[in-house]
């Protein structure tokens, strides 16, 4: 259940913030809110604006990724809250950006960071990857510890 709650929360938060940006911030306009810099950028590529113009293809890839995760969750032997959280953030981010790519052919990015301009879905994907890395590292250490005993 945790997986679905997180994925749904990410999708809703991502789309709500993108709608607010599309309505209130002109493309290329910079604003600061509570010390965070924002701008409105439409990205038809992927990370760091690579492969511009392939937005819909990346939308299809997002669908395939989500289907793969759902299949893994249904058949996979690995379980746990950390894994569910990580996969929930990844799937929520993939759906958030995937829907935009399929409908608009691009995603709305607006949060300025040193690594570029991102959105809520991008941050969720980063958090999901981090949680999965922690999960697999802990799993590795647990197995290593039990094999020594």
Foldseek 3Di string as FASTA:
>chain_A
DLLQVLLVVLLVQQVVVQVCCVPPADAQDWDADPRFIWHKHWALDDFPNPPGQCLQVLLVVLVVVLVVVVVCVVPPPDDDDLLSQLNSLLNSLSNNSSVCCNPPSTGIFITQDPRGTHTSSVVSNVVSVVSVVVVVVVVVVVVVVVVVD
